[in-house]
PDB file of N, CA and C in Angstrom:
ATOM      1  N   MET A   1      26.527  -1.687 -36.694  1.00  0.00           N
ATOM      2  CA  MET A   1      25.725  -1.902 -35.509  1.00  0.00           C
ATOM      3  C   MET A   1      25.750  -0.642 -34.665  1.00  0.00           C
ATOM      4  N   SER A   2      24.621  -0.232 -34.204  1.00  0.00           N
ATOM      5  CA  SER A   2      24.506   0.935 -33.349  1.00  0.00           C
ATOM      6  C   SER A   2      25.101   0.637 -31.979  1.00  0.00           C
ATOM      7  N   ASP A   3      25.745   1.632 -31.379  1.00  0.00           N
ATOM      8  CA  ASP A   3      26.314   1.453 -30.044  1.00  0.00           C
ATOM      9  C   ASP A   3      25.240   1.283 -28.985  1.00  0.00           C
ATOM     10  N   THR A   4      24.013   1.674 -29.303  1.00  0.00           N
ATOM     11  CA  THR A   4      22.942   1.555 -28.325  1.00  0.00           C
ATOM     12  C   THR A   4      22.106   0.290 -28.518  1.00  0.00           C
ATOM     13  N   MET A   5      22.395  -0.484 -29.532  1.00  0.00           N
ATOM     14  CA  MET A   5      21.637  -1.707 -29.775  1.00  0.00           C
ATOM     15  C   MET A   5      21.929  -2.716 -28.674  1.00  0.00           C
ATOM     16  N   ARG A   6      20.883  -3.311 -28.149  1.00  0.00           N
ATOM     17  CA  ARG A   6      21.020  -4.334 -27.117  1.00  0.00           C
ATOM     18  C   ARG A   6      21.228  -5.693 -27.771  1.00  0.00           C
ATOM     19  N   ALA A   7      21.775  -6.613 -27.000  1.00  0.00           N
ATOM     20  CA  ALA A   7      22.024  -7.968 -27.492  1.00  0.00           C
ATOM     21  C   ALA A   7      20.728  -8.622 -27.967  1.00  0.00           C
ATOM     22  N   GLU A   8      19.647  -8.388 -27.252  1.00  0.00           N
ATOM     23  CA  GLU A   8      18.363  -8.975 -27.631  1.00  0.00           C
ATOM     24  C   GLU A   8      17.890  -8.456 -28.982  1.00  0.00           C
ATOM     25  N   GLU A   9      18.106  -7.178 -29.246  1.00  0.00           N
ATOM     26  CA  GLU A   9      17.730  -6.595 -30.540  1.00  0.00           C
ATOM     27  C   GLU A   9      18.593  -7.156 -31.663  1.00  0.00           C
ATOM     28  N   LEU A  10      19.879  -7.289 -31.397  1.00  0.00           N
ATOM     29  CA  LEU A  10      20.786  -7.857 -32.386  1.00  0.00           C
ATOM     30  C   LEU A  10      20.404  -9.307 -32.685  1.00  0.00           C
ATOM     31  N   PHE A  11      20.171 -10.071 -31.639  1.00  0.00           N
ATOM     32  CA  PHE A  11      19.764 -11.468 -31.800  1.00  0.00           C
ATOM     33  C   PHE A  11      18.478 -11.553 -32.623  1.00  0.00           C
ATOM     34  N   THR A  12      17.498 -10.740 -32.274  1.00  0.00           N
ATOM     35  CA  THR A  12      16.206 -10.772 -32.965  1.00  0.00           C
ATOM     36  C   THR A  12      16.355 -10.405 -34.440  1.00  0.00           C
ATOM     37  N   SER A  13      17.152  -9.408 -34.751  1.00  0.00           N
ATOM     38  CA  SER A  13      17.315  -9.028 -36.158  1.00  0.00           C
ATOM     39  C   SER A  13      17.988 -10.151 -36.943  1.00  0.00           C
ATOM     40  N   HIS A  14      18.974 -10.807 -36.354  1.00  0.00           N
ATOM     41  CA  HIS A  14      19.638 -11.912 -37.054  1.00  0.00           C
ATOM     42  C   HIS A  14      18.741 -13.140 -37.135  1.00  0.00           C
ATOM     43  N   LEU A  15      17.926 -13.340 -36.134  1.00  0.00           N
ATOM     44  CA  LEU A  15      16.963 -14.439 -36.192  1.00  0.00           C
ATOM     45  C   LEU A  15      15.938 -14.194 -37.302  1.00  0.00           C
ATOM     46  N   LEU A  16      15.528 -12.958 -37.477  1.00  0.00           N
ATOM     47  CA  LEU A  16      14.590 -12.631 -38.564  1.00  0.00           C
ATOM     48  C   LEU A  16      15.220 -12.915 -39.921  1.00  0.00           C
ATOM     49  N   TRP A  17      16.502 -12.581 -40.093  1.00  0.00           N
ATOM     50  CA  TRP A  17      17.199 -12.923 -41.339  1.00  0.00           C
ATOM     51  C   TRP A  17      17.161 -14.428 -41.541  1.00  0.00           C
ATOM     52  N   PHE A  18      17.485 -15.163 -40.486  1.00  0.00           N
ATOM     53  CA  PHE A  18      17.529 -16.626 -40.547  1.00  0.00           C
ATOM     54  C   PHE A  18      16.169 -17.197 -40.963  1.00  0.00           C
ATOM     55  N   MET A  19      15.107 -16.652 -40.393  1.00  0.00           N
ATOM     56  CA  MET A  19      13.771 -17.183 -40.650  1.00  0.00           C
ATOM     57  C   MET A  19      13.202 -16.732 -41.998  1.00  0.00           C
ATOM     58  N   ALA A  20      13.592 -15.562 -42.489  1.00  0.00           N
ATOM     59  CA  ALA A  20      12.946 -14.978 -43.663  1.00  0.00           C
ATOM     60  C   ALA A  20      13.673 -15.221 -44.983  1.00  0.00           C
ATOM     61  N   LEU A  21      14.981 -15.344 -44.935  1.00  0.00           N
ATOM     62  CA  LEU A  21      15.736 -15.478 -46.183  1.00  0.00           C
ATOM     63  C   LEU A  21      15.779 -16.929 -46.634  1.00  0.00           C
ATOM     64  N   PRO A  22      15.943 -17.150 -47.943  1.00  0.00           N
ATOM     65  CA  PRO A  22      15.884 -18.522 -48.466  1.00  0.00           C
ATOM     66  C   PRO A  22      17.043 -19.396 -47.992  1.00  0.00           C
ATOM     67  N   ALA A  23      16.707 -20.671 -47.789  1.00  0.00           N
ATOM     68  CA  ALA A  23      17.711 -21.671 -47.417  1.00  0.00           C
ATOM     69  C   ALA A  23      17.828 -22.667 -48.568  1.00  0.00           C
ATOM     70  N   GLY A  24      18.515 -23.761 -48.344  1.00  0.00           N
ATOM     71  CA  GLY A  24      18.671 -24.771 -49.383  1.00  0.00           C
ATOM     72  C   GLY A  24      19.618 -24.308 -50.467  1.00  0.00           C
ATOM     73  N   ASP A  25      19.567 -24.984 -51.603  1.00  0.00           N
ATOM     74  CA  ASP A  25      20.491 -24.670 -52.692  1.00  0.00           C
ATOM     75  C   ASP A  25      20.386 -23.218 -53.152  1.00  0.00           C
ATOM     76  N   ALA A  26      19.170 -22.721 -53.270  1.00  0.00           N
ATOM     77  CA  ALA A  26      18.976 -21.347 -53.734  1.00  0.00           C
ATOM     78  C   ALA A  26      19.504 -20.334 -52.733  1.00  0.00           C
ATOM     79  N   GLY A  27      19.532 -20.712 -51.473  1.00  0.00           N
ATOM     80  CA  GLY A  27      19.960 -19.774 -50.440  1.00  0.00           C
ATOM     81  C   GLY A  27      21.384 -19.946 -49.980  1.00  0.00           C
ATOM     82  N   SER A  28      22.159 -20.816 -50.619  1.00  0.00           N
ATOM     83  CA  SER A  28      23.511 -21.071 -50.121  1.00  0.00           C
ATOM     84  C   SER A  28      24.408 -19.849 -50.232  1.00  0.00           C
ATOM     85  N   VAL A  29      24.327 -19.118 -51.330  1.00  0.00           N
ATOM     86  CA  VAL A  29      25.144 -17.906 -51.478  1.00  0.00           C
ATOM     87  C   VAL A  29      24.671 -16.850 -50.485  1.00  0.00           C
ATOM     88  N   ILE A  30      23.368 -16.689 -50.382  1.00  0.00           N
ATOM     89  CA  ILE A  30      22.815 -15.734 -49.421  1.00  0.00           C
ATOM     90  C   ILE A  30      23.238 -16.128 -48.016  1.00  0.00           C
ATOM     91  N   GLY A  31      23.175 -17.409 -47.693  1.00  0.00           N
ATOM     92  CA  GLY A  31      23.580 -17.890 -46.375  1.00  0.00           C
ATOM     93  C   GLY A  31      25.025 -17.570 -46.061  1.00  0.00           C
ATOM     94  N   ASP A  32      25.900 -17.712 -47.052  1.00  0.00           N
ATOM     95  CA  ASP A  32      27.310 -17.390 -46.845  1.00  0.00           C
ATOM     96  C   ASP A  32      27.511 -15.905 -46.563  1.00  0.00           C
ATOM     97  N   VAL A  33      26.798 -15.066 -47.301  1.00  0.00           N
ATOM     98  CA  VAL A  33      26.909 -13.618 -47.105  1.00  0.00           C
ATOM     99  C   VAL A  33      26.378 -13.239 -45.721  1.00  0.00           C
ATOM    100  N   VAL A  34      25.225 -13.794 -45.376  1.00  0.00           N
ATOM    101  CA  VAL A  34      24.631 -13.497 -44.070  1.00  0.00           C
ATOM    102  C   VAL A  34      25.540 -14.016 -42.950  1.00  0.00           C
ATOM    103  N   ALA A  35      26.093 -15.210 -43.110  1.00  0.00           N
ATOM    104  CA  ALA A  35      26.977 -15.776 -42.082  1.00  0.00           C
ATOM    105  C   ALA A  35      28.192 -14.882 -41.860  1.00  0.00           C
ATOM    106  N   SER A  36      28.761 -14.386 -42.928  1.00  0.00           N
ATOM    107  CA  SER A  36      29.914 -13.490 -42.803  1.00  0.00           C
ATOM    108  C   SER A  36      29.531 -12.218 -42.046  1.00  0.00           C
ATOM    109  N   ALA A  37      28.391 -11.652 -42.390  1.00  0.00           N
ATOM    110  CA  ALA A  37      27.933 -10.432 -41.722  1.00  0.00           C
ATOM    111  C   ALA A  37      27.617 -10.691 -40.256  1.00  0.00           C
ATOM    112  N   VAL A  38      26.896 -11.773 -39.979  1.00  0.00           N
ATOM    113  CA  VAL A  38      26.512 -12.102 -38.600  1.00  0.00           C
ATOM    114  C   VAL A  38      27.759 -12.332 -37.750  1.00  0.00           C
ATOM    115  N   ALA A  39      28.721 -13.080 -38.263  1.00  0.00           N
ATOM    116  CA  ALA A  39      29.953 -13.336 -37.517  1.00  0.00           C
ATOM    117  C   ALA A  39      30.707 -12.034 -37.239  1.00  0.00           C
ATOM    118  N   SER A  40      30.819 -11.193 -38.229  1.00  0.00           N
ATOM    119  CA  SER A  40      31.523  -9.924 -38.065  1.00  0.00           C
ATOM    120  C   SER A  40      30.839  -9.031 -37.027  1.00  0.00           C
ATOM    121  N   ILE A  41      29.536  -8.946 -37.118  1.00  0.00           N
ATOM    122  CA  ILE A  41      28.779  -8.086 -36.195  1.00  0.00           C
ATOM    123  C   ILE A  41      28.878  -8.602 -34.768  1.00  0.00           C
ATOM    124  N   TRP A  42      28.709  -9.924 -34.575  1.00  0.00           N
ATOM    125  CA  TRP A  42      28.798 -10.476 -33.212  1.00  0.00           C
ATOM    126  C   TRP A  42      30.219 -10.357 -32.668  1.00  0.00           C
ATOM    127  N   ASN A  43      31.229 -10.531 -33.508  1.00  0.00           N
ATOM    128  CA  ASN A  43      32.615 -10.351 -33.044  1.00  0.00           C
ATOM    129  C   ASN A  43      32.839  -8.935 -32.528  1.00  0.00           C
ATOM    130  N   GLN A  44      32.256  -7.958 -33.170  1.00  0.00           N
ATOM    131  CA  GLN A  44      32.366  -6.572 -32.694  1.00  0.00           C
ATOM    132  C   GLN A  44      31.528  -6.354 -31.438  1.00  0.00           C
ATOM    133  N   ALA A  45      30.326  -6.897 -31.433  1.00  0.00           N
ATOM    134  CA  ALA A  45      29.405  -6.666 -30.319  1.00  0.00           C
ATOM    135  C   ALA A  45      29.939  -7.208 -28.996  1.00  0.00           C
ATOM    136  N   ILE A  46      30.583  -8.356 -29.012  1.00  0.00           N
ATOM    137  CA  ILE A  46      31.031  -8.963 -27.756  1.00  0.00           C
ATOM    138  C   ILE A  46      32.224  -8.235 -27.142  1.00  0.00           C
ATOM    139  N   LYS A  47      32.778  -7.273 -27.851  1.00  0.00           N
ATOM    140  CA  LYS A  47      33.861  -6.460 -27.296  1.00  0.00           C
ATOM    141  C   LYS A  47      33.332  -5.401 -26.335  1.00  0.00           C
ATOM    142  N   ARG A  48      32.039  -5.110 -26.425  1.00  0.00           N
ATOM    143  CA  ARG A  48      31.433  -4.110 -25.545  1.00  0.00           C
ATOM    144  C   ARG A  48      31.152  -4.733 -24.181  1.00  0.00           C
ATOM    145  N   THR A  49      31.567  -4.062 -23.144  1.00  0.00           N
ATOM    146  CA  THR A  49      31.324  -4.569 -21.798  1.00  0.00           C
ATOM    147  C   THR A  49      29.833  -4.513 -21.486  1.00  0.00           C
ATOM    148  N   ALA A  50      29.388  -5.472 -20.742  1.00  0.00           N
ATOM    149  CA  ALA A  50      27.995  -5.560 -20.292  1.00  0.00           C
ATOM    150  C   ALA A  50      26.993  -5.726 -21.432  1.00  0.00           C
ATOM    151  N   PHE A  51      27.444  -6.163 -22.599  1.00  0.00           N
ATOM    152  CA  PHE A  51      26.528  -6.381 -23.714  1.00  0.00           C
ATOM    153  C   PHE A  51      25.686  -7.633 -23.481  1.00  0.00           C
ATOM    154  N   LEU A  52      26.283  -8.646 -22.880  1.00  0.00           N
ATOM    155  CA  LEU A  52      25.618  -9.927 -22.642  1.00  0.00           C
ATOM    156  C   LEU A  52      25.460 -10.156 -21.143  1.00  0.00           C
ATOM    157  N   ILE A  53      24.458 -10.936 -20.761  1.00  0.00           N
ATOM    158  CA  ILE A  53      24.192 -11.111 -19.332  1.00  0.00           C
ATOM    159  C   ILE A  53      25.173 -12.068 -18.652  1.00  0.00           C
ATOM    160  N   VAL A  54      25.729 -13.009 -19.365  1.00  0.00           N
ATOM    161  CA  VAL A  54      26.730 -13.920 -18.792  1.00  0.00           C
ATOM    162  C   VAL A  54      27.932 -14.000 -19.740  1.00  0.00           C
ATOM    163  N   PRO A  55      28.702 -12.922 -19.806  1.00  0.00           N
ATOM    164  CA  PRO A  55      29.791 -12.882 -20.779  1.00  0.00           C
ATOM    165  C   PRO A  55      30.839 -13.976 -20.579  1.00  0.00           C
ATOM    166  N   ARG A  56      31.053 -14.412 -19.348  1.00  0.00           N
ATOM    167  CA  ARG A  56      32.046 -15.452 -19.098  1.00  0.00           C
ATOM    168  C   ARG A  56      31.717 -16.739 -19.844  1.00  0.00           C
ATOM    169  N   LEU A  57      30.441 -17.021 -20.026  1.00  0.00           N
ATOM    170  CA  LEU A  57      30.004 -18.208 -20.757  1.00  0.00           C
ATOM    171  C   LEU A  57      29.719 -17.919 -22.220  1.00  0.00           C
ATOM    172  N   SER A  58      29.053 -16.812 -22.476  1.00  0.00           N
ATOM    173  CA  SER A  58      28.580 -16.557 -23.834  1.00  0.00           C
ATOM    174  C   SER A  58      29.664 -16.055 -24.779  1.00  0.00           C
ATOM    175  N   VAL A  59      30.569 -15.223 -24.304  1.00  0.00           N
ATOM    176  CA  VAL A  59      31.589 -14.661 -25.205  1.00  0.00           C
ATOM    177  C   VAL A  59      32.461 -15.756 -25.824  1.00  0.00           C
ATOM    178  N   PRO A  60      33.011 -16.695 -25.037  1.00  0.00           N
ATOM    179  CA  PRO A  60      33.813 -17.751 -25.670  1.00  0.00           C
ATOM    180  C   PRO A  60      33.015 -18.596 -26.662  1.00  0.00           C
ATOM    181  N   ALA A  61      31.757 -18.871 -26.338  1.00  0.00           N
ATOM    182  CA  ALA A  61      30.918 -19.666 -27.246  1.00  0.00           C
ATOM    183  C   ALA A  61      30.667 -18.916 -28.550  1.00  0.00           C
ATOM    184  N   ILE A  62      30.383 -17.633 -28.458  1.00  0.00           N
ATOM    185  CA  ILE A  62      30.148 -16.825 -29.663  1.00  0.00           C
ATOM    186  C   ILE A  62      31.433 -16.713 -30.480  1.00  0.00           C
ATOM    187  N   GLU A  63      32.550 -16.439 -29.808  1.00  0.00           N
ATOM    188  CA  GLU A  63      33.831 -16.356 -30.524  1.00  0.00           C
ATOM    189  C   GLU A  63      34.144 -17.654 -31.260  1.00  0.00           C
ATOM    190  N   ARG A  64      33.914 -18.779 -30.599  1.00  0.00           N
ATOM    191  CA  ARG A  64      34.187 -20.086 -31.206  1.00  0.00           C
ATOM    192  C   ARG A  64      33.351 -20.280 -32.468  1.00  0.00           C
ATOM    193  N   GLU A  65      32.066 -19.964 -32.400  1.00  0.00           N
ATOM    194  CA  GLU A  65      31.191 -20.161 -33.557  1.00  0.00           C
ATOM    195  C   GLU A  65      31.473 -19.153 -34.666  1.00  0.00           C
ATOM    196  N   CYS A  66      31.833 -17.934 -34.307  1.00  0.00           N
ATOM    197  CA  CYS A  66      32.162 -16.933 -35.328  1.00  0.00           C
ATOM    198  C   CYS A  66      33.422 -17.311 -36.103  1.00  0.00           C
ATOM    199  N   SER A  67      34.343 -17.995 -35.442  1.00  0.00           N
ATOM    200  CA  SER A  67      35.598 -18.356 -36.110  1.00  0.00           C
ATOM    201  C   SER A  67      35.598 -19.787 -36.640  1.00  0.00           C
ATOM    202  N   SER A  68      34.486 -20.491 -36.497  1.00  0.00           N
ATOM    203  CA  SER A  68      34.424 -21.881 -36.945  1.00  0.00           C
ATOM    204  C   SER A  68      34.461 -21.982 -38.470  1.00  0.00           C
ATOM    205  N   ASN A  69      34.699 -23.187 -38.953  1.00  0.00           N
ATOM    206  CA  ASN A  69      34.708 -23.445 -40.394  1.00  0.00           C
ATOM    207  C   ASN A  69      33.315 -23.709 -40.950  1.00  0.00           C
ATOM    208  N   ALA A  70      32.305 -23.692 -40.095  1.00  0.00           N
ATOM    209  CA  ALA A  70      30.931 -23.877 -40.573  1.00  0.00           C
ATOM    210  C   ALA A  70      30.622 -22.773 -41.577  1.00  0.00           C
ATOM    211  N   ALA A  71      29.676 -23.039 -42.463  1.00  0.00           N
ATOM    212  CA  ALA A  71      29.350 -22.075 -43.513  1.00  0.00           C
ATOM    213  C   ALA A  71      27.852 -21.808 -43.563  1.00  0.00           C
ATOM    214  N   GLY A  72      27.503 -20.727 -44.191  1.00  0.00           N
ATOM    215  CA  GLY A  72      26.111 -20.418 -44.502  1.00  0.00           C
ATOM    216  C   GLY A  72      25.187 -20.415 -43.302  1.00  0.00           C
ATOM    217  N   TRP A  73      23.998 -20.945 -43.546  1.00  0.00           N
ATOM    218  CA  TRP A  73      22.957 -20.942 -42.513  1.00  0.00           C
ATOM    219  C   TRP A  73      23.338 -21.788 -41.312  1.00  0.00           C
ATOM    220  N   THR A  74      24.181 -22.800 -41.513  1.00  0.00           N
ATOM    221  CA  THR A  74      24.658 -23.602 -40.390  1.00  0.00           C
ATOM    222  C   THR A  74      25.444 -22.714 -39.434  1.00  0.00           C
ATOM    223  N   LYS A  75      26.303 -21.885 -39.973  1.00  0.00           N
ATOM    224  CA  LYS A  75      27.098 -20.974 -39.142  1.00  0.00           C
ATOM    225  C   LYS A  75      26.199 -19.965 -38.439  1.00  0.00           C
ATOM    226  N   VAL A  76      25.239 -19.415 -39.159  1.00  0.00           N
ATOM    227  CA  VAL A  76      24.315 -18.453 -38.560  1.00  0.00           C
ATOM    228  C   VAL A  76      23.579 -19.105 -37.394  1.00  0.00           C
ATOM    229  N   ALA A  77      23.063 -20.303 -37.591  1.00  0.00           N
ATOM    230  CA  ALA A  77      22.330 -21.004 -36.535  1.00  0.00           C
ATOM    231  C   ALA A  77      23.221 -21.253 -35.326  1.00  0.00           C
ATOM    232  N   ARG A  78      24.454 -21.655 -35.563  1.00  0.00           N
ATOM    233  CA  ARG A  78      25.377 -21.933 -34.458  1.00  0.00           C
ATOM    234  C   ARG A  78      25.720 -20.661 -33.681  1.00  0.00           C
ATOM    235  N   ILE A  79      25.893 -19.551 -34.373  1.00  0.00           N
ATOM    236  CA  ILE A  79      26.167 -18.284 -33.691  1.00  0.00           C
ATOM    237  C   ILE A  79      24.968 -17.881 -32.848  1.00  0.00           C
ATOM    238  N   LEU A  80      23.779 -17.995 -33.407  1.00  0.00           N
ATOM    239  CA  LEU A  80      22.575 -17.623 -32.661  1.00  0.00           C
ATOM    240  C   LEU A  80      22.375 -18.515 -31.444  1.00  0.00           C
ATOM    241  N   LEU A  81      22.626 -19.799 -31.585  1.00  0.00           N
ATOM    242  CA  LEU A  81      22.504 -20.702 -30.437  1.00  0.00           C
ATOM    243  C   LEU A  81      23.518 -20.346 -29.353  1.00  0.00           C
ATOM    244  N   ALA A  82      24.727 -19.966 -29.753  1.00  0.00           N
ATOM    245  CA  ALA A  82      25.730 -19.544 -28.779  1.00  0.00           C
ATOM    246  C   ALA A  82      25.323 -18.228 -28.116  1.00  0.00           C
ATOM    247  N   ALA A  83      24.783 -17.310 -28.892  1.00  0.00           N
ATOM    248  CA  ALA A  83      24.404 -15.995 -28.377  1.00  0.00           C
ATOM    249  C   ALA A  83      23.219 -16.064 -27.426  1.00  0.00           C
ATOM    250  N   ARG A  84      22.362 -17.029 -27.597  1.00  0.00           N
ATOM    251  CA  ARG A  84      21.160 -17.089 -26.757  1.00  0.00           C
ATOM    252  C   ARG A  84      21.496 -17.261 -25.286  1.00  0.00           C
ATOM    253  N   ILE A  85      22.691 -17.788 -24.997  1.00  0.00           N
ATOM    254  CA  ILE A  85      23.132 -17.954 -23.612  1.00  0.00           C
ATOM    255  C   ILE A  85      23.235 -16.600 -22.914  1.00  0.00           C
ATOM    256  N   GLY A  86      23.558 -15.565 -23.668  1.00  0.00           N
ATOM    257  CA  GLY A  86      23.831 -14.267 -23.076  1.00  0.00           C
ATOM    258  C   GLY A  86      22.747 -13.232 -23.216  1.00  0.00           C
ATOM    259  N   ILE A  87      21.543 -13.642 -23.564  1.00  0.00           N
ATOM    260  CA  ILE A  87      20.482 -12.649 -23.758  1.00  0.00           C
ATOM    261  C   ILE A  87      19.291 -12.928 -22.843  1.00  0.00           C
ATOM    262  N   ARG A  88      18.532 -11.894 -22.617  1.00  0.00           N
ATOM    263  CA  ARG A  88      17.287 -11.998 -21.845  1.00  0.00           C
ATOM    264  C   ARG A  88      16.129 -11.972 -22.838  1.00  0.00           C
ATOM    265  N   LEU A  89      15.841 -13.109 -23.391  1.00  0.00           N
ATOM    266  CA  LEU A  89      14.792 -13.197 -24.398  1.00  0.00           C
ATOM    267  C   LEU A  89      14.243 -14.609 -24.378  1.00  0.00           C
ATOM    268  N   ARG A  90      12.959 -14.719 -24.280  1.00  0.00           N
ATOM    269  CA  ARG A  90      12.323 -16.032 -24.322  1.00  0.00           C
ATOM    270  C   ARG A  90      12.156 -16.416 -25.793  1.00  0.00           C
ATOM    271  N   ILE A  91      12.765 -17.523 -26.165  1.00  0.00           N
ATOM    272  CA  ILE A  91      12.739 -17.980 -27.551  1.00  0.00           C
ATOM    273  C   ILE A  91      11.856 -19.215 -27.622  1.00  0.00           C
ATOM    274  N   PRO A  92      10.859 -19.208 -28.492  1.00  0.00           N
ATOM    275  CA  PRO A  92       9.968 -20.373 -28.590  1.00  0.00           C
ATOM    276  C   PRO A  92      10.754 -21.656 -28.897  1.00  0.00           C
ATOM    277  N   GLN A  93      10.301 -22.757 -28.317  1.00  0.00           N
ATOM    278  CA  GLN A  93      10.973 -24.037 -28.511  1.00  0.00           C
ATOM    279  C   GLN A  93      11.034 -24.414 -29.988  1.00  0.00           C
ATOM    280  N   SER A  94      10.007 -24.088 -30.745  1.00  0.00           N
ATOM    281  CA  SER A  94      10.013 -24.413 -32.176  1.00  0.00           C
ATOM    282  C   SER A  94      11.146 -23.694 -32.908  1.00  0.00           C
ATOM    283  N   VAL A  95      11.456 -22.481 -32.489  1.00  0.00           N
ATOM    284  CA  VAL A  95      12.550 -21.729 -33.099  1.00  0.00           C
ATOM    285  C   VAL A  95      13.891 -22.346 -32.695  1.00  0.00           C
ATOM    286  N   LEU A  96      14.031 -22.693 -31.426  1.00  0.00           N
ATOM    287  CA  LEU A  96      15.258 -23.354 -30.967  1.00  0.00           C
ATOM    288  C   LEU A  96      15.459 -24.681 -31.684  1.00  0.00           C
ATOM    289  N   ASP A  97      14.372 -25.402 -31.887  1.00  0.00           N
ATOM    290  CA  ASP A  97      14.454 -26.683 -32.605  1.00  0.00           C
ATOM    291  C   ASP A  97      14.943 -26.481 -34.036  1.00  0.00           C
ATOM    292  N   GLU A  98      14.444 -25.447 -34.712  1.00  0.00           N
ATOM    293  CA  GLU A  98      14.867 -25.172 -36.087  1.00  0.00           C
ATOM    294  C   GLU A  98      16.329 -24.728 -36.130  1.00  0.00           C
ATOM    295  N   LEU A  99      16.723 -23.882 -35.202  1.00  0.00           N
ATOM    296  CA  LEU A  99      18.129 -23.480 -35.134  1.00  0.00           C
ATOM    297  C   LEU A  99      19.018 -24.703 -34.912  1.00  0.00           C
ATOM    298  N   SER A 100      18.619 -25.577 -34.009  1.00  0.00           N
ATOM    299  CA  SER A 100      19.400 -26.785 -33.716  1.00  0.00           C
ATOM    300  C   SER A 100      19.465 -27.705 -34.926  1.00  0.00           C
ATOM    301  N   ARG A 101      18.356 -27.848 -35.631  1.00  0.00           N
ATOM    302  CA  ARG A 101      18.329 -28.696 -36.825  1.00  0.00           C
ATOM    303  C   ARG A 101      19.306 -28.182 -37.873  1.00  0.00           C
ATOM    304  N   VAL A 102      19.281 -26.891 -38.122  1.00  0.00           N
ATOM    305  CA  VAL A 102      20.166 -26.298 -39.126  1.00  0.00           C
ATOM    306  C   VAL A 102      21.622 -26.323 -38.641  1.00  0.00           C
ATOM    307  N   ALA A 103      21.835 -26.113 -37.356  1.00  0.00           N
ATOM    308  CA  ALA A 103      23.196 -26.135 -36.804  1.00  0.00           C
ATOM    309  C   ALA A 103      23.848 -27.503 -36.967  1.00  0.00           C
ATOM    310  N   ARG A 104      23.044 -28.557 -36.978  1.00  0.00           N
ATOM    311  CA  ARG A 104      23.568 -29.922 -37.142  1.00  0.00           C
ATOM    312  C   ARG A 104      23.674 -30.327 -38.605  1.00  0.00           C
ATOM    313  N   ALA A 105      23.147 -29.523 -39.496  1.00  0.00           N
ATOM    314  CA  ALA A 105      23.077 -29.889 -40.913  1.00  0.00           C
ATOM    315  C   ALA A 105      24.451 -29.928 -41.558  1.00  0.00           C
ATOM    316  N   VAL A 106      24.515 -30.650 -42.642  1.00  0.00           N
ATOM    317  CA  VAL A 106      25.711 -30.653 -43.480  1.00  0.00           C
ATOM    318  C   VAL A 106      25.658 -29.366 -44.287  1.00  0.00           C
ATOM    319  N   ASP A 107      26.777 -28.644 -44.319  1.00  0.00           N
ATOM    320  CA  ASP A 107      26.764 -27.373 -45.049  1.00  0.00           C
ATOM    321  C   ASP A 107      26.688 -27.628 -46.555  1.00  0.00           C
ATOM    322  N   HIS A 108      26.470 -26.573 -47.305  1.00  0.00           N
ATOM    323  CA  HIS A 108      26.243 -26.688 -48.740  1.00  0.00           C
ATOM    324  C   HIS A 108      27.482 -27.136 -49.501  1.00  0.00           C
ATOM    325  N   LEU A 109      28.623 -27.157 -48.844  1.00  0.00           N
ATOM    326  CA  LEU A 109      29.844 -27.641 -49.501  1.00  0.00           C
ATOM    327  C   LEU A 109      29.979 -29.158 -49.390  1.00  0.00           C
ATOM    328  N   GLY A 110      29.033 -29.773 -48.657  1.00  0.00           N
ATOM    329  CA  GLY A 110      29.027 -31.220 -48.524  1.00  0.00           C
ATOM    330  C   GLY A 110      29.816 -31.741 -47.342  1.00  0.00           C
ATOM    331  N   ALA A 111      30.346 -30.843 -46.530  1.00  0.00           N
ATOM    332  CA  ALA A 111      31.118 -31.271 -45.363  1.00  0.00           C
ATOM    333  C   ALA A 111      30.278 -31.092 -44.108  1.00  0.00           C
ATOM    334  N   ALA A 112      30.447 -32.001 -43.201  1.00  0.00           N
ATOM    335  CA  ALA A 112      29.760 -31.854 -41.919  1.00  0.00           C
ATOM    336  C   ALA A 112      30.353 -30.661 -41.206  1.00  0.00           C
ATOM    337  N   SER A 113      29.497 -29.846 -40.628  1.00  0.00           N
ATOM    338  CA  SER A 113      29.984 -28.678 -39.895  1.00  0.00           C
ATOM    339  C   SER A 113      30.620 -29.153 -38.611  1.00  0.00           C
ATOM    340  N   GLU A 114      31.662 -28.430 -38.193  1.00  0.00           N
ATOM    341  CA  GLU A 114      32.364 -28.820 -36.980  1.00  0.00           C
ATOM    342  C   GLU A 114      31.543 -28.490 -35.756  1.00  0.00           C
ATOM    343  N   SER A 115      31.771 -29.191 -34.703  1.00  0.00           N
ATOM    344  CA  SER A 115      31.049 -28.934 -33.441  1.00  0.00           C
ATOM    345  C   SER A 115      31.799 -27.989 -32.584  1.00  0.00           C
TER     346      SER A 115
END
């Protein structure tokens, strides 16, 4: 991640991955790889001061989702939903609805993702 990348740019790039890459059975391995990368990148990003607009609220939420036992696209969706608290970006309701749907989904291992 570039030191000059803004939270909104990071969020948008990860949202594009979420929207463009395959989901379902064919995408479970890809989802796991993307989830690992997204969690790692956000864990590093939140260490930078003034990266998020409300760090007192957003940093703990992002940390919680990055370290959760959720997997694949469920984890990615949960991280993005947590990160949206700290960014200045208008996100269409349809996108939020899809993130929420996937965040509530049962992961590909057959276990309900933790809240």
